[in-house]
Amino acid sequence: EVMDARWFTPEEARELTRTGAFVPLG
């Protein structure tokens, strides 16, 4: 199920969503 797990700052999490690297969740 999981290949990696890490701690991200909120801004880093935003960047994941902006670049399409995060599962699309509205």
PDB file of all heavy atoms in Angstrom:
ATOM      1  N   GLU A   1       0.811  -1.218   0.000  1.00  0.00           N
ATOM      2  CA  GLU A   1       0.000   0.000   0.000  1.00  0.00           C
ATOM      3  C   GLU A   1       0.848   1.274   0.000  1.00  0.00           C
ATOM      4  O   GLU A   1       0.471   2.263  -0.636  1.00  0.00           O
ATOM      5  CB  GLU A   1      -0.930   0.017   1.226  1.00  0.00           C
ATOM      6  CG  GLU A   1      -1.971  -1.083   1.265  1.00  0.00           C
ATOM      7  CD  GLU A   1      -3.115  -0.832   0.298  1.00  0.00           C
ATOM      8  OE1 GLU A   1      -3.315   0.327  -0.091  1.00  0.00           O
ATOM      9  OE2 GLU A   1      -3.813  -1.804  -0.051  1.00  0.00           O
ATOM     10  N   VAL A   2       1.948   1.244   0.744  1.00  0.00           N
ATOM     11  CA  VAL A   2       2.721   2.466   0.995  1.00  0.00           C
ATOM     12  C   VAL A   2       4.199   2.222   0.681  1.00  0.00           C
ATOM     13  O   VAL A   2       4.786   1.261   1.166  1.00  0.00           O
ATOM     14  CB  VAL A   2       2.569   2.900   2.473  1.00  0.00           C
ATOM     15  CG1 VAL A   2       3.329   4.197   2.726  1.00  0.00           C
ATOM     16  CG2 VAL A   2       1.102   3.046   2.847  1.00  0.00           C
ATOM     17  N   MET A   3       4.791   3.125  -0.129  1.00  0.00           N
ATOM     18  CA  MET A   3       6.207   2.992  -0.456  1.00  0.00           C
ATOM     19  C   MET A   3       7.091   3.971   0.314  1.00  0.00           C
ATOM     20  O   MET A   3       8.314   3.810   0.360  1.00  0.00           O
ATOM     21  CB  MET A   3       6.431   3.180  -1.962  1.00  0.00           C
ATOM     22  CG  MET A   3       6.041   4.531  -2.515  1.00  0.00           C
ATOM     23  SD  MET A   3       6.214   4.626  -4.325  1.00  0.00           S
ATOM     24  CE  MET A   3       7.969   4.385  -4.520  1.00  0.00           C
ATOM     25  N   ASP A   4       6.488   4.987   0.923  1.00  0.00           N
ATOM     26  CA  ASP A   4       7.262   5.965   1.674  1.00  0.00           C
ATOM     27  C   ASP A   4       6.322   6.768   2.561  1.00  0.00           C
ATOM     28  O   ASP A   4       5.121   6.857   2.288  1.00  0.00           O
ATOM     29  CB  ASP A   4       8.002   6.908   0.706  1.00  0.00           C
ATOM     30  CG  ASP A   4       9.098   7.719   1.386  1.00  0.00           C
ATOM     31  OD1 ASP A   4       9.380   7.462   2.576  1.00  0.00           O
ATOM     32  OD2 ASP A   4       9.666   8.616   0.734  1.00  0.00           O
ATOM     33  N   ALA A   5       6.873   7.355   3.606  1.00  0.00           N
ATOM     34  CA  ALA A   5       6.107   8.243   4.487  1.00  0.00           C
ATOM     35  C   ALA A   5       7.061   9.289   5.029  1.00  0.00           C
ATOM     36  O   ALA A   5       8.174   8.965   5.455  1.00  0.00           O
ATOM     37  CB  ALA A   5       5.452   7.459   5.624  1.00  0.00           C
ATOM     38  N   ARG A   6       6.611  10.557   4.998  1.00  0.00           N
ATOM     39  CA  ARG A   6       7.470  11.661   5.442  1.00  0.00           C
ATOM     40  C   ARG A   6       6.611  12.765   6.055  1.00  0.00           C
ATOM     41  O   ARG A   6       5.408  12.833   5.832  1.00  0.00           O
ATOM     42  CB  ARG A   6       8.261  12.259   4.273  1.00  0.00           C
ATOM     43  CG  ARG A   6       9.150  11.302   3.508  1.00  0.00           C
ATOM     44  CD  ARG A   6       9.845  12.034   2.372  1.00  0.00           C
ATOM     45  NE  ARG A   6      10.460  11.123   1.419  1.00  0.00           N
ATOM     46  CZ  ARG A   6      11.010  11.508   0.262  1.00  0.00           C
ATOM     47  NH1 ARG A   6      11.004  12.793  -0.058  1.00  0.00           N
ATOM     48  NH2 ARG A   6      11.541  10.613  -0.551  1.00  0.00           N
ATOM     49  N   TRP A   7       7.297  13.644   6.812  1.00  0.00           N
ATOM     50  CA  TRP A   7       6.648  14.833   7.372  1.00  0.00           C
ATOM     51  C   TRP A   7       6.858  16.000   6.422  1.00  0.00           C
ATOM     52  O   TRP A   7       7.969  16.256   5.957  1.00  0.00           O
ATOM     53  CB  TRP A   7       7.225  15.156   8.740  1.00  0.00           C
ATOM     54  CG  TRP A   7       6.872  14.146   9.796  1.00  0.00           C
ATOM     55  CD1 TRP A   7       7.627  13.080  10.192  1.00  0.00           C
ATOM     56  CD2 TRP A   7       5.672  14.111  10.561  1.00  0.00           C
ATOM     57  NE1 TRP A   7       6.970  12.380  11.168  1.00  0.00           N
ATOM     58  CE2 TRP A   7       5.767  12.983  11.422  1.00  0.00           C
ATOM     59  CE3 TRP A   7       4.536  14.899  10.618  1.00  0.00           C
ATOM     60  CZ2 TRP A   7       4.764  12.638  12.315  1.00  0.00           C
ATOM     61  CZ3 TRP A   7       3.529  14.562  11.519  1.00  0.00           C
ATOM     62  CH2 TRP A   7       3.647  13.453  12.355  1.00  0.00           C
ATOM     63  N   PHE A   8       5.785  16.728   6.129  1.00  0.00           N
ATOM     64  CA  PHE A   8       5.820  17.873   5.224  1.00  0.00           C
ATOM     65  C   PHE A   8       5.248  19.101   5.937  1.00  0.00           C
ATOM     66  O   PHE A   8       4.287  18.999   6.696  1.00  0.00           O
ATOM     67  CB  PHE A   8       4.967  17.611   3.975  1.00  0.00           C
ATOM     68  CG  PHE A   8       5.524  16.576   3.038  1.00  0.00           C
ATOM     69  CD1 PHE A   8       5.338  15.224   3.287  1.00  0.00           C
ATOM     70  CD2 PHE A   8       6.219  16.950   1.895  1.00  0.00           C
ATOM     71  CE1 PHE A   8       5.835  14.268   2.427  1.00  0.00           C
ATOM     72  CE2 PHE A   8       6.722  16.008   1.025  1.00  0.00           C
ATOM     73  CZ  PHE A   8       6.533  14.660   1.280  1.00  0.00           C
ATOM     74  N   THR A   9       5.825  20.267   5.640  1.00  0.00           N
ATOM     75  CA  THR A   9       5.211  21.502   6.113  1.00  0.00           C
ATOM     76  C   THR A   9       3.931  21.729   5.303  1.00  0.00           C
ATOM     77  O   THR A   9       3.774  21.177   4.203  1.00  0.00           O
ATOM     78  CB  THR A   9       6.149  22.698   5.913  1.00  0.00           C
ATOM     79  OG1 THR A   9       6.329  22.925   4.505  1.00  0.00           O
ATOM     80  CG2 THR A   9       7.495  22.458   6.591  1.00  0.00           C
ATOM     81  N   PRO A  10       2.994  22.543   5.818  1.00  0.00           N
ATOM     82  CA  PRO A  10       1.792  22.840   5.033  1.00  0.00           C
ATOM     83  C   PRO A  10       2.109  23.404   3.653  1.00  0.00           C
ATOM     84  O   PRO A  10       1.431  23.064   2.670  1.00  0.00           O
ATOM     85  CB  PRO A  10       1.057  23.860   5.909  1.00  0.00           C
ATOM     86  CG  PRO A  10       1.460  23.495   7.304  1.00  0.00           C
ATOM     87  CD  PRO A  10       2.898  23.096   7.180  1.00  0.00           C
ATOM     88  N   GLU A  11       3.130  24.246   3.548  1.00  0.00           N
ATOM     89  CA  GLU A  11       3.478  24.808   2.240  1.00  0.00           C
ATOM     90  C   GLU A  11       4.019  23.724   1.308  1.00  0.00           C
ATOM     91  O   GLU A  11       3.738  23.735   0.098  1.00  0.00           O
ATOM     92  CB  GLU A  11       4.510  25.928   2.397  1.00  0.00           C
ATOM     93  CG  GLU A  11       4.809  26.665   1.102  1.00  0.00           C
ATOM     94  CD  GLU A  11       3.566  27.172   0.398  1.00  0.00           C
ATOM     95  OE1 GLU A  11       2.639  27.666   1.070  1.00  0.00           O
ATOM     96  OE2 GLU A  11       3.504  27.056  -0.841  1.00  0.00           O
ATOM     97  N   GLU A  12       4.791  22.793   1.836  1.00  0.00           N
ATOM     98  CA  GLU A  12       5.274  21.677   1.013  1.00  0.00           C
ATOM     99  C   GLU A  12       4.106  20.813   0.550  1.00  0.00           C
ATOM    100  O   GLU A  12       4.097  20.317  -0.585  1.00  0.00           O
ATOM    101  CB  GLU A  12       6.284  20.846   1.805  1.00  0.00           C
ATOM    102  CG  GLU A  12       7.612  21.551   2.027  1.00  0.00           C
ATOM    103  CD  GLU A  12       8.518  20.813   2.995  1.00  0.00           C
ATOM    104  OE1 GLU A  12       7.999  20.027   3.838  1.00  0.00           O
ATOM    105  OE2 GLU A  12       9.741  21.016   2.927  1.00  0.00           O
ATOM    106  N   ALA A  13       3.119  20.627   1.427  1.00  0.00           N
ATOM    107  CA  ALA A  13       1.923  19.866   1.039  1.00  0.00           C
ATOM    108  C   ALA A  13       1.168  20.588  -0.069  1.00  0.00           C
ATOM    109  O   ALA A  13       0.672  19.963  -1.011  1.00  0.00           O
ATOM    110  CB  ALA A  13       1.023  19.651   2.253  1.00  0.00           C
ATOM    111  N   ARG A  14       1.080  21.913   0.032  1.00  0.00           N
ATOM    112  CA  ARG A  14       0.435  22.694  -1.029  1.00  0.00           C
ATOM    113  C   ARG A  14       1.155  22.515  -2.357  1.00  0.00           C
ATOM    114  O   ARG A  14       0.539  22.417  -3.411  1.00  0.00           O
ATOM    115  CB  ARG A  14       0.404  24.176  -0.652  1.00  0.00           C
ATOM    116  CG  ARG A  14      -0.649  24.552   0.368  1.00  0.00           C
ATOM    117  CD  ARG A  14      -0.791  26.067   0.464  1.00  0.00           C
ATOM    118  NE  ARG A  14      -1.838  26.432   1.405  1.00  0.00           N
ATOM    119  CZ  ARG A  14      -1.621  26.688   2.684  1.00  0.00           C
ATOM    120  NH1 ARG A  14      -0.384  26.609   3.181  1.00  0.00           N
ATOM    121  NH2 ARG A  14      -2.627  27.004   3.487  1.00  0.00           N
ATOM    122  N   GLU A  15       2.475  22.510  -2.300  1.00  0.00           N
ATOM    123  CA  GLU A  15       3.260  22.351  -3.519  1.00  0.00           C
ATOM    124  C   GLU A  15       2.997  20.986  -4.163  1.00  0.00           C
ATOM    125  O   GLU A  15       2.942  20.867  -5.399  1.00  0.00           O
ATOM    126  CB  GLU A  15       4.751  22.511  -3.212  1.00  0.00           C
ATOM    127  CG  GLU A  15       5.668  22.488  -4.429  1.00  0.00           C
ATOM    128  CD  GLU A  15       5.411  23.624  -5.397  1.00  0.00           C
ATOM    129  OE1 GLU A  15       4.803  24.644  -4.999  1.00  0.00           O
ATOM    130  OE2 GLU A  15       5.805  23.489  -6.568  1.00  0.00           O
ATOM    131  N   LEU A  16       2.821  19.963  -3.352  1.00  0.00           N
ATOM    132  CA  LEU A  16       2.487  18.642  -3.891  1.00  0.00           C
ATOM    133  C   LEU A  16       1.159  18.688  -4.639  1.00  0.00           C
ATOM    134  O   LEU A  16       1.023  18.081  -5.713  1.00  0.00           O
ATOM    135  CB  LEU A  16       2.413  17.609  -2.757  1.00  0.00           C
ATOM    136  CG  LEU A  16       3.725  17.235  -2.055  1.00  0.00           C
ATOM    137  CD1 LEU A  16       3.450  16.268  -0.912  1.00  0.00           C
ATOM    138  CD2 LEU A  16       4.719  16.626  -3.038  1.00  0.00           C
ATOM    139  N   THR A  17       0.189  19.390  -4.089  1.00  0.00           N
ATOM    140  CA  THR A  17      -1.113  19.484  -4.759  1.00  0.00           C
ATOM    141  C   THR A  17      -1.008  20.303  -6.036  1.00  0.00           C
ATOM    142  O   THR A  17      -1.645  19.995  -7.045  1.00  0.00           O
ATOM    143  CB  THR A  17      -2.178  20.085  -3.827  1.00  0.00           C
ATOM    144  OG1 THR A  17      -1.821  21.422  -3.483  1.00  0.00           O
ATOM    145  CG2 THR A  17      -2.314  19.257  -2.560  1.00  0.00           C
ATOM    146  N   ARG A  18      -0.204  21.378  -6.001  1.00  0.00           N
ATOM    147  CA  ARG A  18      -0.071  22.250  -7.181  1.00  0.00           C
ATOM    148  C   ARG A  18       0.610  21.539  -8.337  1.00  0.00           C
ATOM    149  O   ARG A  18       0.308  21.788  -9.509  1.00  0.00           O
ATOM    150  CB  ARG A  18       0.709  23.520  -6.825  1.00  0.00           C
ATOM    151  CG  ARG A  18      -0.094  24.556  -6.059  1.00  0.00           C
ATOM    152  CD  ARG A  18       0.611  25.892  -6.077  1.00  0.00           C
ATOM    153  NE  ARG A  18       1.827  25.872  -5.274  1.00  0.00           N
ATOM    154  CZ  ARG A  18       1.895  26.317  -4.021  1.00  0.00           C
ATOM    155  NH1 ARG A  18       0.822  26.809  -3.428  1.00  0.00           N
ATOM    156  NH2 ARG A  18       3.037  26.280  -3.371  1.00  0.00           N
ATOM    157  N   THR A  19       1.555  20.654  -8.035  1.00  0.00           N
ATOM    158  CA  THR A  19       2.325  19.981  -9.085  1.00  0.00           C
ATOM    159  C   THR A  19       1.717  18.653  -9.513  1.00  0.00           C
ATOM    160  O   THR A  19       2.293  17.948 -10.343  1.00  0.00           O
ATOM    161  CB  THR A  19       3.767  19.747  -8.607  1.00  0.00           C
ATOM    162  OG1 THR A  19       3.743  18.949  -7.403  1.00  0.00           O
ATOM    163  CG2 THR A  19       4.464  21.066  -8.326  1.00  0.00           C
ATOM    164  N   GLY A  20       0.566  18.286  -8.937  1.00  0.00           N
ATOM    165  CA  GLY A  20      -0.081  17.036  -9.299  1.00  0.00           C
ATOM    166  C   GLY A  20       0.545  15.810  -8.676  1.00  0.00           C
ATOM    167  O   GLY A  20       0.293  14.683  -9.117  1.00  0.00           O
ATOM    168  N   ALA A  21       1.372  16.020  -7.632  1.00  0.00           N
ATOM    169  CA  ALA A  21       2.025  14.894  -6.965  1.00  0.00           C
ATOM    170  C   ALA A  21       1.213  14.357  -5.796  1.00  0.00           C
ATOM    171  O   ALA A  21       1.652  13.424  -5.116  1.00  0.00           O
ATOM    172  CB  ALA A  21       3.420  15.307  -6.477  1.00  0.00           C
ATOM    173  N   PHE A  22       0.042  14.954  -5.559  1.00  0.00           N
ATOM    174  CA  PHE A  22      -0.818  14.547  -4.450  1.00  0.00           C
ATOM    175  C   PHE A  22      -2.131  14.014  -5.014  1.00  0.00           C
ATOM    176  O   PHE A  22      -2.635  14.512  -6.026  1.00  0.00           O
ATOM    177  CB  PHE A  22      -1.101  15.746  -3.535  1.00  0.00           C
ATOM    178  CG  PHE A  22      -1.616  15.374  -2.179  1.00  0.00           C
ATOM    179  CD1 PHE A  22      -0.752  15.140  -1.123  1.00  0.00           C
ATOM    180  CD2 PHE A  22      -2.981  15.251  -1.950  1.00  0.00           C
ATOM    181  CE1 PHE A  22      -1.234  14.795   0.139  1.00  0.00           C
ATOM    182  CE2 PHE A  22      -3.469  14.908  -0.700  1.00  0.00           C
ATOM    183  CZ  PHE A  22      -2.595  14.680   0.343  1.00  0.00           C
ATOM    184  N   VAL A  23      -2.663  12.991  -4.374  1.00  0.00           N
ATOM    185  CA  VAL A  23      -3.961  12.440  -4.781  1.00  0.00           C
ATOM    186  C   VAL A  23      -4.993  13.571  -4.804  1.00  0.00           C
ATOM    187  O   VAL A  23      -5.087  14.323  -3.827  1.00  0.00           O
ATOM    188  CB  VAL A  23      -4.404  11.323  -3.822  1.00  0.00           C
ATOM    189  CG1 VAL A  23      -5.846  10.915  -4.090  1.00  0.00           C
ATOM    190  CG2 VAL A  23      -3.486  10.107  -3.953  1.00  0.00           C
ATOM    191  N   PRO A  24      -5.741  13.713  -5.893  1.00  0.00           N
ATOM    192  CA  PRO A  24      -6.709  14.821  -5.963  1.00  0.00           C
ATOM    193  C   PRO A  24      -7.834  14.672  -4.930  1.00  0.00           C
ATOM    194  O   PRO A  24      -8.657  13.773  -5.010  1.00  0.00           O
ATOM    195  CB  PRO A  24      -7.246  14.738  -7.392  1.00  0.00           C
ATOM    196  CG  PRO A  24      -6.965  13.330  -7.838  1.00  0.00           C
ATOM    197  CD  PRO A  24      -5.722  12.916  -7.134  1.00  0.00           C
ATOM    198  N   LEU A  25      -7.834  15.580  -3.968  1.00  0.00           N
ATOM    199  CA  LEU A  25      -8.870  15.649  -2.935  1.00  0.00           C
ATOM    200  C   LEU A  25      -9.310  17.110  -2.838  1.00  0.00           C
ATOM    201  O   LEU A  25      -8.484  17.992  -2.561  1.00  0.00           O
ATOM    202  CB  LEU A  25      -8.348  15.168  -1.577  1.00  0.00           C
ATOM    203  CG  LEU A  25      -8.100  13.666  -1.412  1.00  0.00           C
ATOM    204  CD1 LEU A  25      -7.407  13.391  -0.079  1.00  0.00           C
ATOM    205  CD2 LEU A  25      -9.402  12.885  -1.502  1.00  0.00           C
ATOM    206  N   GLY A  26     -10.578  17.354  -3.040  1.00  0.00           N
ATOM    207  CA  GLY A  26     -11.063  18.720  -3.136  1.00  0.00           C
ATOM    208  C   GLY A  26     -11.007  19.527  -1.864  1.00  0.00           C
ATOM    209  O   GLY A  26     -11.165  20.751  -1.900  1.00  0.00           O
TER     210      GLY A  26
END
